[in-house]
Amino acid sequence: MPLTVWLPIDPAAIDGLPEGPQYVYWDGEDEFPADPRDIDFYVPPYMRGAEIATRPLRHGARPRVVQTLTAGIDHVQDHVPPDAVLCNARGVHDASTAELAVTLTLASLRGIPRFVRGQDGEKWYAGMYPALADKTVLIVGYGAIGAAVEDRLAPFECQVVRVARSARDTERGPVHAVTELPDLLPGVDVVILVTPLTEETRNLVNAGFLARLPDGALLVNVGRGGVVDTKALLGELESGRLCAALDVTDPEPLPPGHPLWHAPGVLITPHVGGSSSAFPPRAGRLLCGQLRRYLTGEPLHNIISAP
């Protein structure tokens, strides 16, 4: 029997897919196109939510490999069979997510949301606005995406402080351990969150974290909504002490009527960090490479867990 591969991208749109496997296209439709129990290599639908991504796994699928098209794997991790290899999409979203992180930072500091609303109302909001230059920017979750964010911050003449789960040295400078955050937070102007959601990072940005930030600090989240305690953040936003730019929220999607929509000093985008024109070619290259490695018995890249 040929290897059965379920893809959320039309196989005809992916250049270079290896010959041999049977490719099945499924992007989360109600009806399965084939029996999920026959899946060998499963690529969950992109940005369709955990309920859809895990549906085949809850209907008898026992793939040997689950390859996400997201950097985060929290939406599928609990449903992956224990004898399967789970891989993420490290490298696919670095450029797009880093672009958005810097876009949100600049837009928030320079008052772009106010100017857009002013244009709608024909109002001229002249004045002095914060610059990114000379600011101290803390990147929490310093991996591939965090490094890509720093690459794009380099021309803006700001100081970057790096934080990851554990301390290490890099060519750019030291990476601090997450346990050092209480001492680092009072000295930063902008915090950019790119950390995945794990048991350790859930509600990492809580009332205590936020209270240590100086007045006027900006929180930018392009990681996962659950990393931030929404109630605690709302308290700081409504007081006017902090500002935020959020590509991810908790809950998500943000429902109508939620107080975050109209909280002062907040800019919200609808989880589009990786959803750009850069995604399809990078996703295609990842899938082709992973499938070639699997078919030839080479080690897979981006392994998060394995039997």
Protein backbone atom coordinates (compact mmCIF):
# COMPACT_ATOMS: atom_id res chain seq x y z
CA MET A 1 0.00 0.00 0.00
CA PRO A 2 1.33 3.48 -0.84
CA LEU A 3 1.91 6.01 1.90
CA THR A 4 -1.29 8.02 2.48
CA VAL A 5 -0.68 11.72 3.05
CA TRP A 6 -3.44 14.16 4.02
CA LEU A 7 -2.66 17.74 3.04
CA PRO A 8 -4.61 20.98 3.68
CA ILE A 9 -3.11 22.44 0.49
CA ASP A 10 -4.12 21.18 -2.94
CA PRO A 11 -1.27 18.85 -3.94
CA ALA A 12 -1.38 20.31 -7.47
CA ALA A 13 -0.35 23.66 -5.97
CA ILE A 14 2.81 22.27 -4.36
CA ASP A 15 5.82 22.01 -6.64
CA GLY A 16 8.14 19.10 -6.02
CA LEU A 17 6.01 16.71 -3.98
CA PRO A 18 7.69 13.31 -4.03
CA GLU A 19 6.14 10.67 -6.25
CA GLY A 20 4.78 7.51 -4.68
CA PRO A 21 2.46 8.56 -1.83
CA GLN A 22 -1.29 8.83 -2.24
CA TYR A 23 -2.12 12.49 -1.58
CA VAL A 24 -5.51 13.36 -0.11
CA TYR A 25 -6.63 16.98 0.05
CA TRP A 26 -8.62 17.97 3.14
CA ASP A 27 -8.85 21.48 4.55
CA GLY A 28 -11.36 20.92 7.33
CA GLU A 29 -14.55 20.27 5.39
CA ASP A 30 -17.35 18.48 7.23
CA GLU A 31 -17.04 15.35 5.10
CA PHE A 32 -13.78 13.42 5.10
CA PRO A 33 -12.50 12.73 1.56
CA ALA A 34 -11.27 9.27 2.63
CA ASP A 35 -11.09 7.04 5.67
CA PRO A 36 -8.95 8.81 8.33
CA ARG A 37 -7.89 5.42 9.67
CA ASP A 38 -5.69 5.07 6.57
CA ILE A 39 -3.64 8.23 7.21
CA ASP A 40 0.11 7.68 7.47
CA PHE A 41 1.31 11.30 7.32
CA TYR A 42 -1.10 13.99 8.53
CA VAL A 43 -0.80 17.74 7.95
CA PRO A 44 -3.63 19.48 9.88
CA PRO A 45 -5.55 22.36 8.28
CA TYR A 46 -3.84 25.68 8.83
CA MET A 47 -5.44 28.22 11.19
CA ARG A 48 -8.76 26.37 11.36
CA GLY A 49 -8.74 25.80 15.11
CA ALA A 50 -8.10 22.80 17.34
CA GLU A 51 -11.54 21.27 16.82
CA ILE A 52 -10.97 20.89 13.08
CA ALA A 53 -7.24 20.12 13.26
CA THR A 54 -7.80 17.18 15.60
CA ARG A 55 -10.98 15.80 13.98
CA PRO A 56 -9.27 12.97 12.05
CA LEU A 57 -7.28 12.07 15.15
CA ARG A 58 -10.54 11.79 17.06
CA HIS A 59 -12.05 9.62 14.33
CA GLY A 60 -9.57 6.78 14.28
CA ALA A 61 -6.55 8.30 12.54
CA ARG A 62 -3.26 6.86 13.77
CA PRO A 63 -0.67 8.56 11.58
CA ARG A 64 3.01 7.86 11.90
CA VAL A 65 3.76 11.57 11.47
CA VAL A 66 1.78 14.71 12.36
CA GLN A 67 3.33 17.74 10.67
CA THR A 68 1.77 21.08 11.62
CA LEU A 69 1.99 24.17 9.46
CA THR A 70 2.20 26.31 12.58
CA ALA A 71 5.15 27.00 14.86
CA GLY A 72 2.93 26.27 17.87
CA ILE A 73 1.62 22.76 18.41
CA ASP A 74 -0.60 23.32 21.46
CA HIS A 75 -3.78 22.92 19.36
CA VAL A 76 -2.99 19.29 18.41
CA GLN A 77 -0.47 18.04 20.95
CA ASP A 78 -2.92 16.32 23.30
CA HIS A 79 -4.44 14.27 20.46
CA VAL A 80 -1.30 13.01 18.74
CA PRO A 81 -0.97 9.21 19.14
CA PRO A 82 1.88 8.22 21.47
CA ASP A 83 3.60 6.26 18.70
CA ALA A 84 3.57 9.17 16.23
CA VAL A 85 6.23 11.77 15.50
CA LEU A 86 5.05 15.37 15.95
CA CYS A 87 6.82 18.10 13.96
CA ASN A 88 6.18 21.83 13.80
CA ALA A 89 6.74 24.41 11.06
CA ARG A 90 9.84 26.08 12.43
CA GLY A 91 11.19 28.45 9.79
CA VAL A 92 7.98 28.83 7.81
CA HIS A 93 6.62 31.82 9.73
CA ASP A 94 9.78 33.57 10.90
CA ALA A 95 9.76 36.37 8.31
CA SER A 96 6.02 37.10 8.34
CA THR A 97 5.62 37.00 12.10
CA ALA A 98 8.69 39.15 12.64
CA GLU A 99 7.38 41.66 10.10
CA LEU A 100 4.08 41.92 11.95
CA ALA A 101 5.77 42.21 15.35
CA VAL A 102 7.74 45.23 14.15
CA THR A 103 4.71 46.63 12.32
CA LEU A 104 2.58 46.47 15.47
CA THR A 105 5.36 48.02 17.54
CA LEU A 106 5.88 50.94 15.17
CA ALA A 107 2.17 51.48 14.55
CA SER A 108 1.39 51.58 18.26
CA LEU A 109 4.27 53.85 19.21
CA ARG A 110 3.74 56.30 16.37
CA GLY A 111 -0.03 56.56 16.90
CA ILE A 112 -1.15 55.03 13.61
CA PRO A 113 -4.50 53.71 14.95
CA ARG A 114 -5.35 57.22 16.15
CA PHE A 115 -4.42 58.71 12.79
CA VAL A 116 -6.58 56.18 10.91
CA ARG A 117 -9.57 57.00 13.10
CA GLY A 118 -8.76 60.66 12.69
CA GLN A 119 -8.78 60.34 8.93
CA ASP A 120 -12.23 58.74 9.09
CA GLY A 121 -13.42 61.73 11.11
CA GLU A 122 -11.38 64.32 9.20
CA LYS A 123 -9.38 65.16 12.35
CA TRP A 124 -5.75 66.33 12.35
CA TYR A 125 -3.96 64.78 15.33
CA ALA A 126 -0.66 66.64 15.23
CA GLY A 127 1.73 66.33 18.14
CA MET A 128 4.77 64.55 19.55
CA TYR A 129 4.69 60.74 19.47
CA PRO A 130 7.08 58.08 20.79
CA ALA A 131 9.77 56.69 18.49
CA LEU A 132 11.26 53.21 18.52
CA ALA A 133 14.73 54.75 18.41
CA ASP A 134 16.52 54.67 21.78
CA LYS A 135 13.92 52.31 23.27
CA THR A 136 14.77 49.06 25.06
CA VAL A 137 12.88 46.12 23.54
CA LEU A 138 12.54 42.83 25.42
CA ILE A 139 11.92 39.74 23.26
CA VAL A 140 10.37 36.92 25.29
CA GLY A 141 10.73 33.54 23.56
CA TYR A 142 14.04 34.00 21.81
CA GLY A 143 14.05 31.23 19.20
CA ALA A 144 13.98 31.39 15.41
CA ILE A 145 11.16 33.93 15.29
CA GLY A 146 12.66 35.96 18.11
CA ALA A 147 15.94 36.16 16.22
CA ALA A 148 14.06 37.21 13.08
CA VAL A 149 12.38 39.98 15.08
CA GLU A 150 15.78 41.21 16.25
CA ASP A 151 17.05 41.19 12.65
CA ARG A 152 14.27 43.58 11.70
CA LEU A 153 14.73 45.78 14.76
CA ALA A 154 18.41 46.33 14.02
CA PRO A 155 17.99 49.42 11.77
CA PHE A 156 15.78 51.21 14.32
CA GLU A 157 18.56 52.05 16.77
CA CYS A 158 16.99 50.35 19.77
CA GLN A 159 18.48 48.08 22.40
CA VAL A 160 17.33 44.45 22.41
CA VAL A 161 17.14 42.25 25.49
CA ARG A 162 16.62 38.53 24.84
CA VAL A 163 14.78 36.03 27.06
CA ALA A 164 14.24 32.31 26.60
CA ARG A 165 13.48 29.33 28.82
CA SER A 166 17.15 28.99 29.75
CA ALA A 167 20.14 31.30 29.55
CA ARG A 168 22.73 31.01 26.80
CA ASP A 169 25.22 33.09 24.85
CA THR A 170 24.79 33.98 21.19
CA GLU A 171 26.86 35.94 18.68
CA ARG A 172 24.48 38.85 19.21
CA GLY A 173 24.81 38.77 22.97
CA PRO A 174 23.41 37.00 26.02
CA VAL A 175 20.00 35.37 26.21
CA HIS A 176 18.57 35.65 29.70
CA ALA A 177 16.59 32.92 31.43
CA VAL A 178 12.87 33.47 31.94
CA THR A 179 13.52 33.40 35.68
CA GLU A 180 15.33 36.74 35.28
CA LEU A 181 12.22 38.53 34.01
CA PRO A 182 11.34 40.23 37.33
CA ASP A 183 14.68 42.05 37.28
CA LEU A 184 14.54 42.89 33.56
CA LEU A 185 11.00 44.22 33.23
CA PRO A 186 11.41 47.56 35.02
CA GLY A 187 14.07 48.64 32.52
CA VAL A 188 12.25 48.00 29.22
CA ASP A 189 9.96 50.11 27.03
CA VAL A 190 8.54 47.41 24.75
CA VAL A 191 7.91 43.70 25.36
CA ILE A 192 7.45 41.47 22.30
CA LEU A 193 6.03 38.02 23.08
CA VAL A 194 6.87 35.24 20.63
CA THR A 195 6.84 32.35 23.09
CA PRO A 196 4.77 29.22 22.41
CA LEU A 197 1.95 28.26 24.75
CA THR A 198 2.98 25.58 27.23
CA GLU A 199 2.10 24.82 30.81
CA GLU A 200 5.09 26.94 31.82
CA THR A 201 4.13 29.94 29.69
CA ARG A 202 0.36 29.98 30.22
CA ASN A 203 -0.48 33.31 31.92
CA LEU A 204 3.24 34.10 32.10
CA VAL A 205 2.22 37.72 31.57
CA ASN A 206 0.12 38.08 34.68
CA ALA A 207 -0.65 40.95 37.04
CA GLY A 208 2.78 40.72 38.65
CA PHE A 209 4.57 40.73 35.30
CA LEU A 210 2.60 43.75 34.09
CA ALA A 211 3.03 45.65 37.35
CA ARG A 212 6.82 45.52 36.94
CA LEU A 213 6.68 47.29 33.59
CA PRO A 214 7.26 51.04 33.69
CA ASP A 215 4.44 53.47 32.96
CA GLY A 216 3.81 53.84 29.24
CA ALA A 217 5.34 50.49 28.27
CA LEU A 218 4.00 48.65 25.22
CA LEU A 219 3.16 44.92 25.21
CA VAL A 220 3.18 43.25 21.79
CA ASN A 221 1.92 39.67 21.51
CA VAL A 222 2.48 37.67 18.31
CA GLY A 223 2.85 34.35 20.14
CA ARG A 224 -0.24 32.84 21.74
CA GLY A 225 -3.13 34.55 23.50
CA GLY A 226 -2.98 32.26 26.51
CA VAL A 227 0.48 33.56 27.42
CA VAL A 228 -1.24 36.73 28.68
CA ASP A 229 -3.75 36.98 31.52
CA THR A 230 -6.44 38.94 29.71
CA LYS A 231 -8.12 40.22 32.88
CA ALA A 232 -4.83 41.55 34.24
CA LEU A 233 -4.00 43.20 30.91
CA LEU A 234 -7.44 44.83 30.74
CA GLY A 235 -6.86 46.36 34.14
CA GLU A 236 -3.62 47.99 32.99
CA LEU A 237 -5.10 49.16 29.69
CA GLU A 238 -8.20 50.66 31.29
CA SER A 239 -6.07 52.53 33.79
CA GLY A 240 -4.10 54.02 30.89
CA ARG A 241 -0.78 52.90 32.38
CA LEU A 242 0.18 50.44 29.61
CA CYS A 243 -0.54 49.98 25.91
CA ALA A 244 -0.79 46.76 23.90
CA ALA A 245 -0.69 45.49 20.33
CA LEU A 246 -2.17 42.00 20.05
CA ASP A 247 -2.19 39.63 17.08
CA VAL A 248 -3.39 36.86 19.40
CA THR A 249 -5.93 37.00 22.21
CA ASP A 250 -7.52 34.85 24.86
CA PRO A 251 -10.26 34.03 23.97
CA GLU A 252 -9.72 33.72 20.23
CA PRO A 253 -11.33 34.70 17.98
CA LEU A 254 -12.18 37.67 20.16
CA PRO A 255 -16.00 37.61 20.44
CA PRO A 256 -18.24 40.62 19.80
CA GLY A 257 -18.71 42.69 22.92
CA HIS A 258 -15.45 41.63 24.56
CA PRO A 259 -13.94 44.57 26.49
CA LEU A 260 -10.57 44.18 24.74
CA TRP A 261 -12.12 45.49 21.51
CA HIS A 262 -12.61 48.94 22.96
CA ALA A 263 -9.97 49.11 25.69
CA PRO A 264 -7.88 52.27 25.47
CA GLY A 265 -4.39 52.00 24.01
CA VAL A 266 -4.84 48.63 22.32
CA LEU A 267 -4.29 47.66 18.67
CA ILE A 268 -5.74 44.28 17.62
CA THR A 269 -5.04 42.24 14.50
CA PRO A 270 -6.82 38.90 13.81
CA HIS A 271 -3.98 36.37 14.26
CA VAL A 272 -2.36 37.06 10.89
CA GLY A 273 1.29 36.85 11.91
CA GLY A 274 2.00 33.94 9.59
CA SER A 275 -0.83 34.48 7.12
CA SER A 276 0.95 36.29 4.32
CA SER A 277 2.11 35.71 0.76
CA ALA A 278 5.31 34.26 2.22
CA PHE A 279 3.43 31.29 3.68
CA PRO A 280 2.52 29.09 0.66
CA PRO A 281 6.01 28.70 -0.85
CA ARG A 282 7.65 28.16 2.53
CA ALA A 283 4.99 25.65 3.60
CA GLY A 284 5.40 23.80 0.31
CA ARG A 285 9.16 23.56 0.71
CA LEU A 286 8.78 22.27 4.26
CA LEU A 287 6.29 19.57 3.25
CA CYS A 288 8.35 18.42 0.26
CA GLY A 289 11.48 18.22 2.37
CA GLN A 290 9.81 16.36 5.23
CA LEU A 291 8.16 13.86 2.91
CA ARG A 292 11.41 13.18 1.05
CA ARG A 293 13.18 12.62 4.34
CA TYR A 294 10.45 10.30 5.56
CA LEU A 295 10.38 8.27 2.34
CA THR A 296 14.16 7.83 2.33
CA GLY A 297 14.42 7.05 6.04
CA GLU A 298 16.28 10.24 6.92
CA PRO A 299 15.59 12.01 10.23
CA LEU A 300 12.76 14.49 10.08
CA HIS A 301 13.33 18.15 10.91
CA ASN A 302 11.51 20.16 13.60
CA ILE A 303 10.66 17.17 15.78
CA ILE A 304 8.78 18.22 18.92
CA SER A 305 8.04 14.74 20.24
CA ALA A 306 8.68 11.18 19.14
CA PRO A 307 8.02 7.68 20.50
